[in-house]
C-alpha atoms as a PDB file:
ATOM      1  CA  MET A   1     141.072 120.287  50.480  1.00  0.00           C
ATOM      2  CA  GLU A   2     137.649 120.786  52.012  1.00  0.00           C
ATOM      3  CA  ASN A   3     136.786 117.194  50.711  1.00  0.00           C
ATOM      4  CA  ASN A   4     139.715 115.564  52.378  1.00  0.00           C
ATOM      5  CA  GLN A   5     138.925 117.053  55.683  1.00  0.00           C
ATOM      6  CA  VAL A   6     135.316 115.743  55.434  1.00  0.00           C
ATOM      7  CA  ASN A   7     136.493 112.335  54.593  1.00  0.00           C
ATOM      8  CA  ASN A   8     138.839 112.345  57.304  1.00  0.00           C
ATOM      9  CA  THR A   9     136.317 113.414  59.947  1.00  0.00           C
ATOM     10  CA  TYR A  10     135.378 110.766  62.578  1.00  0.00           C
ATOM     11  CA  ASP A  11     131.880 109.559  62.135  1.00  0.00           C
ATOM     12  CA  ASP A  12     130.644 107.271  64.653  1.00  0.00           C
ATOM     13  CA  LYS A  13     127.417 106.150  62.431  1.00  0.00           C
ATOM     14  CA  LYS A  14     129.654 104.703  59.902  1.00  0.00           C
ATOM     15  CA  LYS A  15     129.571 100.966  59.628  1.00  0.00           C
ATOM     16  CA  LYS A  16     133.068  99.420  61.249  1.00  0.00           C
ATOM     17  CA  ILE A  17     134.825  96.834  59.086  1.00  0.00           C
ATOM     18  CA  LEU A  18     137.364  94.746  61.021  1.00  0.00           C
ATOM     19  CA  ALA A  19     139.807  93.050  58.431  1.00  0.00           C
ATOM     20  CA  VAL A  20     142.252  90.370  59.710  1.00  0.00           C
ATOM     21  CA  ASP A  21     145.031  89.229  57.380  1.00  0.00           C
ATOM     22  CA  ASP A  22     148.875  88.837  57.867  1.00  0.00           C
ATOM     23  CA  GLU A  23     149.617  90.095  54.355  1.00  0.00           C
ATOM     24  CA  ILE A  24     149.987  93.759  54.371  1.00  0.00           C
ATOM     25  CA  ALA A  25     148.981  93.878  50.237  1.00  0.00           C
ATOM     26  CA  ILE A  26     145.807  92.613  51.232  1.00  0.00           C
ATOM     27  CA  ILE A  27     145.027  94.750  54.097  1.00  0.00           C
ATOM     28  CA  ASP A  28     145.963  97.787  52.125  1.00  0.00           C
ATOM     29  CA  LEU A  29     143.578  96.743  49.178  1.00  0.00           C
ATOM     30  CA  LEU A  30     140.711  95.905  51.480  1.00  0.00           C
ATOM     31  CA  LYS A  31     141.482  99.371  53.353  1.00  0.00           C
ATOM     32  CA  TYR A  32     141.305 101.237  50.000  1.00  0.00           C
ATOM     33  CA  ASN A  33     137.931  99.522  48.837  1.00  0.00           C
ATOM     34  CA  ILE A  34     136.210  99.478  52.122  1.00  0.00           C
ATOM     35  CA  GLU A  35     137.047 103.082  52.797  1.00  0.00           C
ATOM     36  CA  LYS A  36     135.706 104.014  49.219  1.00  0.00           C
ATOM     37  CA  GLU A  37     132.499 102.482  50.073  1.00  0.00           C
ATOM     38  CA  GLY A  38     132.118 104.616  53.065  1.00  0.00           C
ATOM     39  CA  TYR A  39     132.817 102.256  55.983  1.00  0.00           C
ATOM     40  CA  ARG A  40     135.171 103.031  58.736  1.00  0.00           C
ATOM     41  CA  PHE A  41     138.003 100.200  58.589  1.00  0.00           C
ATOM     42  CA  ILE A  42     140.505  98.669  61.151  1.00  0.00           C
ATOM     43  CA  SER A  43     142.701  95.828  60.792  1.00  0.00           C
ATOM     44  CA  ALA A  44     144.519  93.046  62.596  1.00  0.00           C
ATOM     45  CA  GLN A  45     147.295  90.777  61.551  1.00  0.00           C
ATOM     46  CA  ASP A  46     147.194  87.744  63.744  1.00  0.00           C
ATOM     47  CA  GLY A  47     144.499  85.930  65.480  1.00  0.00           C
ATOM     48  CA  GLU A  48     145.201  87.202  68.874  1.00  0.00           C
ATOM     49  CA  GLU A  49     145.141  90.718  67.843  1.00  0.00           C
ATOM     50  CA  ALA A  50     141.879  89.862  66.136  1.00  0.00           C
ATOM     51  CA  MET A  51     140.062  88.682  69.064  1.00  0.00           C
ATOM     52  CA  ARG A  52     141.233  92.030  71.188  1.00  0.00           C
ATOM     53  CA  LYS A  53     139.736  94.134  68.615  1.00  0.00           C
ATOM     54  CA  VAL A  54     136.327  92.208  68.201  1.00  0.00           C
ATOM     55  CA  ILE A  55     136.039  92.677  71.857  1.00  0.00           C
ATOM     56  CA  GLU A  56     137.470  96.357  72.223  1.00  0.00           C
ATOM     57  CA  GLU A  57     136.211  97.907  68.863  1.00  0.00           C
ATOM     58  CA  LYS A  58     132.958  95.926  68.629  1.00  0.00           C
ATOM     59  CA  PRO A  59     132.946  96.033  64.833  1.00  0.00           C
ATOM     60  CA  ASP A  60     129.757  95.472  62.752  1.00  0.00           C
ATOM     61  CA  LEU A  61     131.340  92.918  60.396  1.00  0.00           C
ATOM     62  CA  VAL A  62     134.591  90.844  60.491  1.00  0.00           C
ATOM     63  CA  LEU A  63     136.849  89.704  57.406  1.00  0.00           C
ATOM     64  CA  LEU A  64     138.574  86.969  58.770  1.00  0.00           C
ATOM     65  CA  ASP A  65     141.694  85.167  56.788  1.00  0.00           C
ATOM     66  CA  VAL A  66     141.871  81.238  57.929  1.00  0.00           C
ATOM     67  CA  MET A  67     145.459  81.040  57.928  1.00  0.00           C
ATOM     68  CA  LEU A  68     147.067  83.445  60.635  1.00  0.00           C
ATOM     69  CA  PRO A  69     149.896  83.678  62.843  1.00  0.00           C
ATOM     70  CA  LYS A  70     149.295  83.028  66.714  1.00  0.00           C
ATOM     71  CA  MET A  71     145.722  81.887  66.161  1.00  0.00           C
ATOM     72  CA  ASP A  72     144.294  80.436  63.129  1.00  0.00           C
ATOM     73  CA  GLY A  73     141.000  82.311  61.681  1.00  0.00           C
ATOM     74  CA  LEU A  74     138.580  79.293  62.178  1.00  0.00           C
ATOM     75  CA  THR A  75     139.926  79.270  65.927  1.00  0.00           C
ATOM     76  CA  VAL A  76     139.182  82.882  66.153  1.00  0.00           C
ATOM     77  CA  CYS A  77     135.762  82.582  64.874  1.00  0.00           C
ATOM     78  CA  LYS A  78     135.033  79.660  67.085  1.00  0.00           C
ATOM     79  CA  LYS A  79     135.895  81.952  70.188  1.00  0.00           C
ATOM     80  CA  ILE A  80     133.788  84.771  68.700  1.00  0.00           C
ATOM     81  CA  ARG A  81     130.899  82.350  68.829  1.00  0.00           C
ATOM     82  CA  GLN A  82     131.724  81.032  72.119  1.00  0.00           C
ATOM     83  CA  GLU A  83     131.789  84.631  73.578  1.00  0.00           C
ATOM     84  CA  GLU A  84     128.387  85.244  72.035  1.00  0.00           C
ATOM     85  CA  ILE A  85     129.521  87.874  70.034  1.00  0.00           C
ATOM     86  CA  ASN A  86     126.689  88.415  67.508  1.00  0.00           C
ATOM     87  CA  VAL A  87     128.830  89.901  64.771  1.00  0.00           C
ATOM     88  CA  PRO A  88     128.785  88.607  60.827  1.00  0.00           C
ATOM     89  CA  VAL A  89     131.822  86.711  60.144  1.00  0.00           C
ATOM     90  CA  ILE A  90     133.078  86.414  56.594  1.00  0.00           C
ATOM     91  CA  MET A  91     135.758  83.843  56.186  1.00  0.00           C
ATOM     92  CA  LEU A  92     138.685  84.531  53.522  1.00  0.00           C
ATOM     93  CA  SER A  93     140.808  81.603  52.374  1.00  0.00           C
ATOM     94  CA  ALA A  94     143.652  81.305  49.369  1.00  0.00           C
ATOM     95  CA  ARG A  95     142.850  77.580  49.554  1.00  0.00           C
ATOM     96  CA  GLY A  96     139.326  77.350  48.471  1.00  0.00           C
ATOM     97  CA  GLU A  97     139.165  73.862  49.822  1.00  0.00           C
ATOM     98  CA  GLU A  98     135.859  72.285  50.550  1.00  0.00           C
ATOM     99  CA  ILE A  99     136.660  71.244  53.959  1.00  0.00           C
ATOM    100  CA  ASP A 100     137.826  74.836  55.079  1.00  0.00           C
ATOM    101  CA  LYS A 101     134.465  76.009  53.986  1.00  0.00           C
ATOM    102  CA  ILE A 102     132.364  73.177  55.769  1.00  0.00           C
ATOM    103  CA  LEU A 103     134.181  73.821  58.764  1.00  0.00           C
ATOM    104  CA  GLY A 104     134.242  77.929  58.895  1.00  0.00           C
ATOM    105  CA  LEU A 105     130.200  77.284  58.356  1.00  0.00           C
ATOM    106  CA  GLU A 106     130.003  74.870  60.933  1.00  0.00           C
ATOM    107  CA  ILE A 107     131.651  77.039  63.938  1.00  0.00           C
ATOM    108  CA  GLY A 108     129.750  79.802  63.165  1.00  0.00           C
ATOM    109  CA  ALA A 109     131.019  81.925  60.107  1.00  0.00           C
ATOM    110  CA  ASP A 110     128.267  83.713  58.054  1.00  0.00           C
ATOM    111  CA  ASP A 111     129.879  83.587  54.661  1.00  0.00           C
ATOM    112  CA  TYR A 112     132.769  82.444  52.862  1.00  0.00           C
ATOM    113  CA  ILE A 113     134.921  83.994  50.034  1.00  0.00           C
ATOM    114  CA  THR A 114     138.262  82.358  48.504  1.00  0.00           C
ATOM    115  CA  LYS A 115     141.316  84.522  47.086  1.00  0.00           C
ATOM    116  CA  PRO A 116     141.622  85.858  44.831  1.00  0.00           C
ATOM    117  CA  PHE A 117     138.060  87.610  45.187  1.00  0.00           C
ATOM    118  CA  SER A 118     136.762  90.461  43.064  1.00  0.00           C
ATOM    119  CA  THR A 119     136.215  93.757  44.624  1.00  0.00           C
ATOM    120  CA  ARG A 120     132.733  93.780  43.530  1.00  0.00           C
ATOM    121  CA  GLU A 121     132.122  90.219  44.800  1.00  0.00           C
ATOM    122  CA  LEU A 122     133.463  91.208  48.278  1.00  0.00           C
ATOM    123  CA  ILE A 123     131.725  94.685  48.443  1.00  0.00           C
ATOM    124  CA  ALA A 124     128.458  92.753  47.572  1.00  0.00           C
ATOM    125  CA  ARG A 125     129.089  90.281  50.321  1.00  0.00           C
ATOM    126  CA  ILE A 126     129.805  92.687  52.974  1.00  0.00           C
ATOM    127  CA  LYS A 127     126.680  94.649  52.173  1.00  0.00           C
ATOM    128  CA  ALA A 128     124.515  91.841  52.187  1.00  0.00           C
ATOM    129  CA  ASN A 129     125.578  90.716  55.525  1.00  0.00           C
ATOM    130  CA  LEU A 130     125.353  94.483  56.950  1.00  0.00           C
ATOM    131  CA  ARG A 131     121.725  94.520  55.483  1.00  0.00           C
ATOM    132  CA  LYS A 132     120.489  91.110  57.232  1.00  0.00           C
ATOM    133  CA  ILE A 133     121.804  92.588  60.567  1.00  0.00           C
ATOM    134  CA  GLU A 134     120.042  95.941  59.983  1.00  0.00           C
ATOM    135  CA  GLN A 135     116.671  94.264  58.956  1.00  0.00           C
ATOM    136  CA  GLU A 136     116.829  92.348  62.311  1.00  0.00           C
ATOM    137  CA  ALA A 137     117.528  95.406  64.279  1.00  0.00           C
ATOM    138  CA  SER A 138     114.721  97.215  62.622  1.00  0.00           C
ATOM    139  CA  LEU A 139     112.162  94.597  63.479  1.00  0.00           C
ATOM    140  CA  GLY A 140     113.731  94.368  66.902  1.00  0.00           C
ATOM    141  CA  TYR A 141     113.695  90.632  66.375  1.00  0.00           C
ATOM    142  CA  LEU A 142     109.872  90.713  66.614  1.00  0.00           C
ATOM    143  CA  LYS A 143     109.781  91.811  70.307  1.00  0.00           C
ATOM    144  CA  GLY A 144     109.304  88.594  71.948  1.00  0.00           C
ATOM    145  CA  ASN A 145     106.838  86.982  69.130  1.00  0.00           C
ATOM    146  CA  LYS A 146     107.028  83.227  68.752  1.00  0.00           C
ATOM    147  CA  ILE A 147     106.438  81.146  65.563  1.00  0.00           C
ATOM    148  CA  SER A 148     105.109  77.696  65.945  1.00  0.00           C
ATOM    149  CA  VAL A 149     104.998  75.155  63.216  1.00  0.00           C
ATOM    150  CA  GLY A 150     104.274  71.477  63.769  1.00  0.00           C
ATOM    151  CA  ALA A 151     106.984  70.275  66.404  1.00  0.00           C
ATOM    152  CA  LEU A 152     109.068  73.345  66.225  1.00  0.00           C
ATOM    153  CA  THR A 153     108.707  76.576  68.024  1.00  0.00           C
ATOM    154  CA  LEU A 154     110.948  79.578  67.620  1.00  0.00           C
ATOM    155  CA  ASP A 155     111.253  82.135  70.473  1.00  0.00           C
ATOM    156  CA  LEU A 156     112.615  85.293  68.528  1.00  0.00           C
ATOM    157  CA  ASP A 157     113.146  87.422  71.527  1.00  0.00           C
ATOM    158  CA  LYS A 158     115.336  84.769  73.280  1.00  0.00           C
ATOM    159  CA  PHE A 159     116.877  83.543  70.149  1.00  0.00           C
ATOM    160  CA  GLU A 160     115.855  79.935  71.166  1.00  0.00           C
ATOM    161  CA  VAL A 161     114.442  76.839  69.334  1.00  0.00           C
ATOM    162  CA  ASN A 162     112.024  74.462  71.069  1.00  0.00           C
ATOM    163  CA  ILE A 163     111.254  70.951  69.714  1.00  0.00           C
ATOM    164  CA  LYS A 164     108.677  68.840  71.711  1.00  0.00           C
ATOM    165  CA  GLY A 165     109.581  70.659  74.932  1.00  0.00           C
ATOM    166  CA  GLU A 166     113.473  70.473  74.581  1.00  0.00           C
ATOM    167  CA  VAL A 167     115.060  73.813  74.288  1.00  0.00           C
ATOM    168  CA  ILE A 168     117.945  74.241  71.714  1.00  0.00           C
ATOM    169  CA  SER A 169     119.968  77.174  72.269  1.00  0.00           C
ATOM    170  CA  ASP A 170     123.223  76.801  70.422  1.00  0.00           C
ATOM    171  CA  LEU A 171     122.403  77.883  67.045  1.00  0.00           C
ATOM    172  CA  THR A 172     124.507  80.197  65.225  1.00  0.00           C
ATOM    173  CA  ARG A 173     122.357  83.411  64.073  1.00  0.00           C
ATOM    174  CA  ARG A 174     122.700  82.188  60.394  1.00  0.00           C
ATOM    175  CA  GLU A 175     121.215  78.768  61.549  1.00  0.00           C
ATOM    176  CA  PHE A 176     118.274  80.263  63.292  1.00  0.00           C
ATOM    177  CA  GLU A 177     117.657  82.683  60.537  1.00  0.00           C
ATOM    178  CA  VAL A 178     117.142  79.734  58.170  1.00  0.00           C
ATOM    179  CA  LEU A 179     114.548  78.033  60.572  1.00  0.00           C
ATOM    180  CA  LYS A 180     112.890  81.379  60.800  1.00  0.00           C
ATOM    181  CA  PHE A 181     112.515  81.863  57.173  1.00  0.00           C
ATOM    182  CA  LEU A 182     111.076  78.480  56.693  1.00  0.00           C
ATOM    183  CA  ALA A 183     108.758  78.699  59.531  1.00  0.00           C
ATOM    184  CA  GLN A 184     107.236  81.656  58.371  1.00  0.00           C
ATOM    185  CA  LYS A 185     106.162  79.506  55.356  1.00  0.00           C
ATOM    186  CA  PRO A 186     104.934  76.218  57.149  1.00  0.00           C
ATOM    187  CA  GLY A 187     104.825  73.397  54.659  1.00  0.00           C
ATOM    188  CA  GLN A 188     106.077  75.449  51.622  1.00  0.00           C
ATOM    189  CA  VAL A 189     109.158  74.281  49.938  1.00  0.00           C
ATOM    190  CA  VAL A 190     111.706  76.875  49.435  1.00  0.00           C
ATOM    191  CA  THR A 191     114.537  76.622  47.102  1.00  0.00           C
ATOM    192  CA  ARG A 192     118.153  76.384  47.831  1.00  0.00           C
ATOM    193  CA  GLU A 193     118.507  79.639  45.648  1.00  0.00           C
ATOM    194  CA  ALA A 194     115.231  81.351  47.337  1.00  0.00           C
ATOM    195  CA  LEU A 195     117.170  80.722  50.874  1.00  0.00           C
ATOM    196  CA  LEU A 196     120.489  82.340  49.422  1.00  0.00           C
ATOM    197  CA  GLU A 197     118.731  85.136  48.434  1.00  0.00           C
ATOM    198  CA  LYS A 198     116.401  85.894  51.034  1.00  0.00           C
ATOM    199  CA  VAL A 199     118.580  84.624  54.568  1.00  0.00           C
ATOM    200  CA  TRP A 200     122.197  85.298  52.891  1.00  0.00           C
ATOM    201  CA  GLY A 201     121.069  88.353  50.979  1.00  0.00           C
ATOM    202  CA  TYR A 202     122.538  88.146  47.739  1.00  0.00           C
ATOM    203  CA  GLU A 203     121.664  86.350  44.446  1.00  0.00           C
ATOM    204  CA  TYR A 204     124.625  86.183  41.870  1.00  0.00           C
ATOM    205  CA  PHE A 205     127.637  85.660  44.130  1.00  0.00           C
ATOM    206  CA  GLY A 206     126.405  82.782  46.478  1.00  0.00           C
ATOM    207  CA  ASP A 207     127.401  79.455  46.762  1.00  0.00           C
ATOM    208  CA  ILE A 208     124.552  76.944  46.988  1.00  0.00           C
ATOM    209  CA  ARG A 209     126.542  74.482  48.700  1.00  0.00           C
ATOM    210  CA  THR A 210     126.513  77.083  51.794  1.00  0.00           C
ATOM    211  CA  VAL A 211     122.560  76.518  52.142  1.00  0.00           C
ATOM    212  CA  ASP A 212     123.338  72.415  52.223  1.00  0.00           C
ATOM    213  CA  VAL A 213     126.028  72.942  54.644  1.00  0.00           C
ATOM    214  CA  THR A 214     124.019  75.004  56.984  1.00  0.00           C
ATOM    215  CA  VAL A 215     120.871  72.815  56.740  1.00  0.00           C
ATOM    216  CA  ARG A 216     122.864  69.703  57.570  1.00  0.00           C
ATOM    217  CA  ARG A 217     124.326  71.680  60.723  1.00  0.00           C
ATOM    218  CA  ILE A 218     120.788  72.614  61.863  1.00  0.00           C
ATOM    219  CA  ARG A 219     119.714  68.908  61.645  1.00  0.00           C
ATOM    220  CA  GLU A 220     122.478  67.903  63.746  1.00  0.00           C
ATOM    221  CA  LYS A 221     121.134  69.961  66.596  1.00  0.00           C
ATOM    222  CA  ILE A 222     117.371  69.574  66.228  1.00  0.00           C
ATOM    223  CA  GLU A 223     116.689  66.361  64.797  1.00  0.00           C
ATOM    224  CA  LYS A 224     116.635  62.810  66.412  1.00  0.00           C
ATOM    225  CA  ASN A 225     117.538  61.193  63.363  1.00  0.00           C
ATOM    226  CA  THR A 226     119.454  63.126  60.892  1.00  0.00           C
ATOM    227  CA  ALA A 227     119.021  60.514  58.340  1.00  0.00           C
ATOM    228  CA  ASN A 228     115.455  60.835  58.303  1.00  0.00           C
ATOM    229  CA  PRO A 229     114.586  64.228  59.457  1.00  0.00           C
ATOM    230  CA  LYS A 230     111.187  65.013  60.725  1.00  0.00           C
ATOM    231  CA  VAL A 231     111.195  68.738  61.249  1.00  0.00           C
ATOM    232  CA  LEU A 232     113.285  70.322  58.382  1.00  0.00           C
ATOM    233  CA  VAL A 233     112.457  68.412  55.283  1.00  0.00           C
ATOM    234  CA  THR A 234     114.249  67.892  52.207  1.00  0.00           C
ATOM    235  CA  LYS A 235     112.186  67.895  48.863  1.00  0.00           C
ATOM    236  CA  ARG A 236     114.522  66.184  46.563  1.00  0.00           C
ATOM    237  CA  GLY A 237     115.817  68.458  43.728  1.00  0.00           C
ATOM    238  CA  VAL A 238     113.754  71.168  45.093  1.00  0.00           C
ATOM    239  CA  GLY A 239     114.806  72.442  48.496  1.00  0.00           C
ATOM    240  CA  TYR A 240     113.634  72.534  52.121  1.00  0.00           C
ATOM    241  CA  TYR A 241     110.596  73.148  54.185  1.00  0.00           C
ATOM    242  CA  ILE A 242     109.227  72.729  57.784  1.00  0.00           C
ATOM    243  CA  ALA A 243     106.993  70.106  58.438  1.00  0.00           C
ATOM    244  CA  ASN A 244     103.529  71.443  59.719  1.00  0.00           C
ATOM    245  CA  LYS A 245     102.392  68.404  61.457  1.00  0.00           C
END
Protein backbone atom coordinates (compact mmCIF):
# COMPACT_ATOMS: atom_id res chain seq x y z
CA MET A 1 0.00 0.00 0.00
CA GLU A 2 2.80 2.40 0.87
CA ASN A 3 4.42 1.85 -2.51
CA ASN A 4 1.19 2.71 -4.31
CA GLN A 5 0.87 5.91 -2.32
CA VAL A 6 4.42 6.92 -3.22
CA ASN A 7 3.85 6.20 -6.93
CA ASN A 8 0.72 8.31 -6.99
CA THR A 9 2.29 11.30 -5.23
CA TYR A 10 2.57 14.34 -7.47
CA ASP A 11 6.18 15.22 -8.24
CA ASP A 12 6.74 18.39 -10.21
CA LYS A 13 10.37 17.42 -10.82
CA LYS A 14 9.35 14.52 -13.04
CA LYS A 15 9.61 15.09 -16.77
CA LYS A 16 6.18 15.51 -18.33
CA ILE A 17 5.34 13.65 -21.55
CA LEU A 18 2.35 14.64 -23.68
CA ALA A 19 1.10 11.82 -25.91
CA VAL A 20 -1.32 12.74 -28.70
CA ASP A 21 -3.25 9.93 -30.39
CA ASP A 22 -6.92 9.29 -31.14
CA GLU A 23 -6.65 5.55 -30.41
CA ILE A 24 -7.44 4.79 -26.77
CA ALA A 25 -5.48 1.53 -26.93
CA ILE A 26 -2.35 3.42 -27.99
CA ILE A 27 -2.83 6.02 -25.25
CA ASP A 28 -3.22 3.28 -22.65
CA LEU A 29 -0.09 1.51 -23.89
CA LEU A 30 1.93 4.72 -23.85
CA LYS A 31 0.64 5.68 -20.40
CA TYR A 32 1.65 2.35 -18.89
CA ASN A 33 5.16 2.33 -20.32
CA ILE A 34 5.92 6.03 -19.84
CA GLU A 35 4.76 6.07 -16.21
CA LYS A 36 6.73 2.86 -15.59
CA GLU A 37 9.86 4.81 -16.58
CA GLY A 38 9.08 7.44 -13.96
CA TYR A 39 7.71 10.20 -16.19
CA ARG A 40 4.48 12.13 -15.72
CA PHE A 41 1.97 11.34 -18.45
CA ILE A 42 -0.67 13.55 -20.03
CA SER A 43 -2.63 12.92 -23.20
CA ALA A 44 -4.76 14.47 -25.92
CA GLN A 45 -6.92 12.82 -28.58
CA ASP A 46 -7.12 15.50 -31.28
CA GLY A 47 -4.95 18.27 -32.66
CA GLU A 48 -6.79 21.17 -31.07
CA GLU A 49 -6.62 19.60 -27.61
CA ALA A 50 -2.93 18.91 -28.22
CA MET A 51 -2.17 22.58 -28.88
CA ARG A 52 -4.06 23.63 -25.76
CA LYS A 53 -2.12 21.20 -23.61
CA VAL A 54 1.23 22.16 -25.12
CA ILE A 55 0.55 25.76 -24.11
CA GLU A 56 -1.12 25.10 -20.75
CA GLU A 57 0.80 22.06 -19.49
CA LYS A 58 4.24 22.95 -20.92
CA PRO A 59 5.34 19.33 -21.44
CA ASP A 60 9.00 18.38 -21.64
CA LEU A 61 8.38 16.23 -24.72
CA VAL A 62 5.51 15.58 -27.15
CA LEU A 63 4.66 12.27 -28.83
CA LEU A 64 2.51 13.36 -31.75
CA ASP A 65 0.55 11.09 -34.07
CA VAL A 66 0.34 12.26 -37.70
CA MET A 67 -3.30 11.29 -38.27
CA LEU A 68 -5.51 13.19 -35.82
CA PRO A 69 -9.07 14.59 -35.79
CA LYS A 70 -9.69 18.36 -36.02
CA MET A 71 -6.04 19.20 -36.76
CA ASP A 72 -3.48 16.72 -38.10
CA GLY A 73 -0.17 16.14 -36.36
CA LEU A 74 1.94 17.86 -39.00
CA THR A 75 -0.12 21.04 -38.58
CA VAL A 76 0.18 20.80 -34.80
CA CYS A 77 3.96 20.47 -35.07
CA LYS A 78 4.13 23.44 -37.42
CA LYS A 79 2.08 25.57 -35.03
CA ILE A 80 4.28 24.57 -32.09
CA ARG A 81 7.33 25.84 -33.98
CA GLN A 82 5.53 28.98 -35.16
CA GLU A 83 4.81 29.75 -31.51
CA GLU A 84 8.55 29.27 -30.86
CA ILE A 85 7.87 26.57 -28.27
CA ASN A 86 11.17 24.76 -27.88
CA VAL A 87 9.89 21.31 -26.92
CA PRO A 88 11.15 18.07 -28.50
CA VAL A 89 8.52 16.54 -30.82
CA ILE A 90 8.57 12.88 -31.80
CA MET A 91 6.16 12.16 -34.66
CA LEU A 92 4.23 8.86 -34.69
CA SER A 93 2.74 7.39 -37.84
CA ALA A 94 1.25 4.08 -38.91
CA ARG A 95 1.89 4.85 -42.56
CA GLY A 96 5.66 4.79 -42.55
CA GLU A 97 5.81 6.69 -45.81
CA GLU A 98 8.99 8.59 -46.60
CA ILE A 99 7.01 11.72 -47.51
CA ASP A 100 5.53 11.84 -43.99
CA LYS A 101 8.96 11.61 -42.44
CA ILE A 102 10.45 14.33 -44.63
CA LEU A 103 7.52 16.67 -44.01
CA GLY A 104 7.70 16.08 -40.27
CA LEU A 105 11.40 16.86 -40.10
CA GLU A 106 11.09 19.88 -42.37
CA ILE A 107 8.44 21.54 -40.20
CA GLY A 108 10.48 21.06 -37.06
CA ALA A 109 9.94 17.58 -35.64
CA ASP A 110 12.96 16.29 -33.75
CA ASP A 111 12.38 12.62 -34.37
CA TYR A 112 10.09 10.14 -36.10
CA ILE A 113 8.93 6.62 -35.27
CA THR A 114 6.52 4.40 -37.17
CA LYS A 115 3.81 2.14 -35.77
CA PRO A 116 3.95 -0.55 -34.69
CA PHE A 117 6.97 0.33 -32.56
CA SER A 118 8.68 -1.58 -29.79
CA THR A 119 8.44 -0.20 -26.28
CA ARG A 120 12.22 -0.39 -26.01
CA GLU A 121 12.69 1.75 -29.10
CA LEU A 122 10.12 4.32 -27.99
CA ILE A 123 11.62 4.75 -24.53
CA ALA A 124 15.11 5.01 -26.04
CA ARG A 125 13.94 7.82 -28.32
CA ILE A 126 12.25 9.64 -25.43
CA LYS A 127 15.33 9.41 -23.22
CA ALA A 128 17.67 10.51 -26.00
CA ASN A 129 15.64 13.62 -26.81
CA LEU A 130 15.22 14.57 -23.15
CA ARG A 131 18.93 14.06 -22.55
CA LYS A 132 19.79 16.54 -25.29
CA ILE A 133 17.57 19.19 -23.71
CA GLU A 134 19.19 18.61 -20.32
CA GLN A 135 22.66 18.92 -21.81
CA GLU A 136 21.76 22.24 -23.43
CA ALA A 137 20.25 23.54 -20.20
CA SER A 138 23.33 22.58 -18.19
CA LEU A 139 25.51 24.54 -20.61
CA GLY A 140 23.15 27.52 -20.54
CA TYR A 141 23.77 27.45 -24.27
CA LEU A 142 27.28 28.55 -23.42
CA LYS A 143 26.03 31.88 -22.08
CA GLY A 144 26.40 34.11 -25.08
CA ASN A 145 29.47 32.54 -26.65
CA LYS A 146 29.84 32.49 -30.40
CA ILE A 147 31.43 29.99 -32.75
CA SER A 148 32.93 31.27 -36.01
CA VAL A 149 34.13 29.03 -38.82
CA GLY A 150 34.82 30.46 -42.26
CA ALA A 151 31.72 32.32 -43.43
CA LEU A 152 29.62 30.89 -40.60
CA THR A 153 29.03 32.39 -37.15
CA LEU A 154 26.71 30.84 -34.58
CA ASP A 155 25.37 32.99 -31.74
CA LEU A 156 24.64 30.39 -29.06
CA ASP A 157 22.72 32.84 -26.90
CA LYS A 158 20.44 34.30 -29.55
CA PHE A 159 20.07 30.95 -31.32
CA GLU A 160 21.02 32.66 -34.59
CA VAL A 161 23.26 31.88 -37.54
CA ASN A 162 25.15 34.55 -39.43
CA ILE A 163 26.44 33.91 -42.95
CA LYS A 164 28.65 36.77 -44.21
CA GLY A 165 26.58 39.35 -42.35
CA GLU A 166 23.17 37.84 -43.13
CA VAL A 167 21.31 36.73 -40.01
CA ILE A 168 19.31 33.52 -40.25
CA SER A 169 17.04 32.90 -37.28
CA ASP A 170 14.48 30.39 -38.57
CA LEU A 171 16.45 27.21 -37.97
CA THR A 172 14.82 24.58 -35.81
CA ARG A 173 16.54 23.52 -32.60
CA ARG A 174 17.79 20.31 -34.22
CA GLU A 175 19.11 22.14 -37.30
CA PHE A 176 21.00 24.54 -35.05
CA GLU A 177 22.42 21.62 -33.06
CA VAL A 178 23.75 20.01 -36.24
CA LEU A 179 25.51 23.22 -37.29
CA LYS A 180 26.87 23.74 -33.77
CA PHE A 181 28.29 20.23 -33.57
CA LEU A 182 29.97 20.50 -36.99
CA ALA A 183 31.23 24.03 -36.29
CA GLN A 184 33.02 22.74 -33.20
CA LYS A 185 35.04 20.53 -35.56
CA PRO A 186 35.98 22.98 -38.35
CA GLY A 187 37.00 21.29 -41.58
CA GLN A 188 36.63 17.83 -40.02
CA VAL A 189 34.35 15.37 -41.80
CA VAL A 190 31.74 13.89 -39.45
CA THR A 191 29.95 10.72 -40.49
CA ARG A 192 26.17 10.46 -40.56
CA GLU A 193 26.37 7.78 -37.88
CA ALA A 194 28.36 10.08 -35.60
CA LEU A 195 25.89 12.93 -36.11
CA LEU A 196 23.00 10.60 -35.34
CA GLU A 197 24.67 9.48 -32.14
CA LYS A 198 25.97 12.84 -30.91
CA VAL A 199 23.19 15.20 -32.03
CA TRP A 200 20.12 12.98 -31.92
CA GLY A 201 21.54 11.03 -29.00
CA TYR A 202 21.07 7.41 -29.99
CA GLU A 203 22.95 4.78 -31.91
CA TYR A 204 21.03 1.65 -32.79
CA PHE A 205 17.51 2.96 -33.34
CA GLY A 206 18.26 5.95 -35.56
CA ASP A 207 17.43 6.18 -39.24
CA ILE A 208 20.41 7.55 -41.14
CA ARG A 209 18.10 9.34 -43.59
CA THR A 210 17.07 11.63 -40.74
CA VAL A 211 20.52 13.23 -40.95
CA ASP A 212 20.33 13.73 -44.72
CA VAL A 213 16.88 15.32 -44.56
CA THR A 214 18.01 17.70 -41.80
CA VAL A 215 21.17 18.69 -43.70
CA ARG A 216 19.14 19.36 -46.84
CA ARG A 217 16.78 21.57 -44.85
CA ILE A 218 19.70 23.51 -43.32
CA ARG A 219 21.19 24.12 -46.74
CA GLU A 220 17.92 25.53 -48.02
CA LYS A 221 18.23 28.18 -45.31
CA ILE A 222 21.95 29.00 -45.33
CA GLU A 223 23.32 28.26 -48.80
CA LYS A 224 23.03 30.51 -51.85
CA ASN A 225 23.20 27.49 -54.13
CA THR A 226 22.11 24.22 -52.54
CA ALA A 227 23.47 22.26 -55.52
CA ASN A 228 26.95 23.64 -54.81
CA PRO A 229 27.12 24.26 -51.04
CA LYS A 230 29.98 26.39 -49.74
CA VAL A 231 29.32 26.29 -45.99
CA LEU A 232 27.87 22.87 -45.11
CA VAL A 233 29.78 20.54 -47.42
CA THR A 234 29.36 16.85 -48.26
CA LYS A 235 32.29 14.46 -48.35
CA ARG A 236 30.78 11.90 -50.68
CA GLY A 237 30.35 8.49 -49.11
CA VAL A 238 31.57 9.70 -45.71
CA GLY A 239 29.62 12.56 -44.15
CA TYR A 240 29.52 16.34 -43.71
CA TYR A 241 31.76 19.19 -42.58
CA ILE A 242 31.77 22.97 -42.19
CA ALA A 243 34.17 24.67 -44.59
CA ASN A 244 36.76 26.62 -42.59
CA LYS A 245 37.67 29.10 -45.28
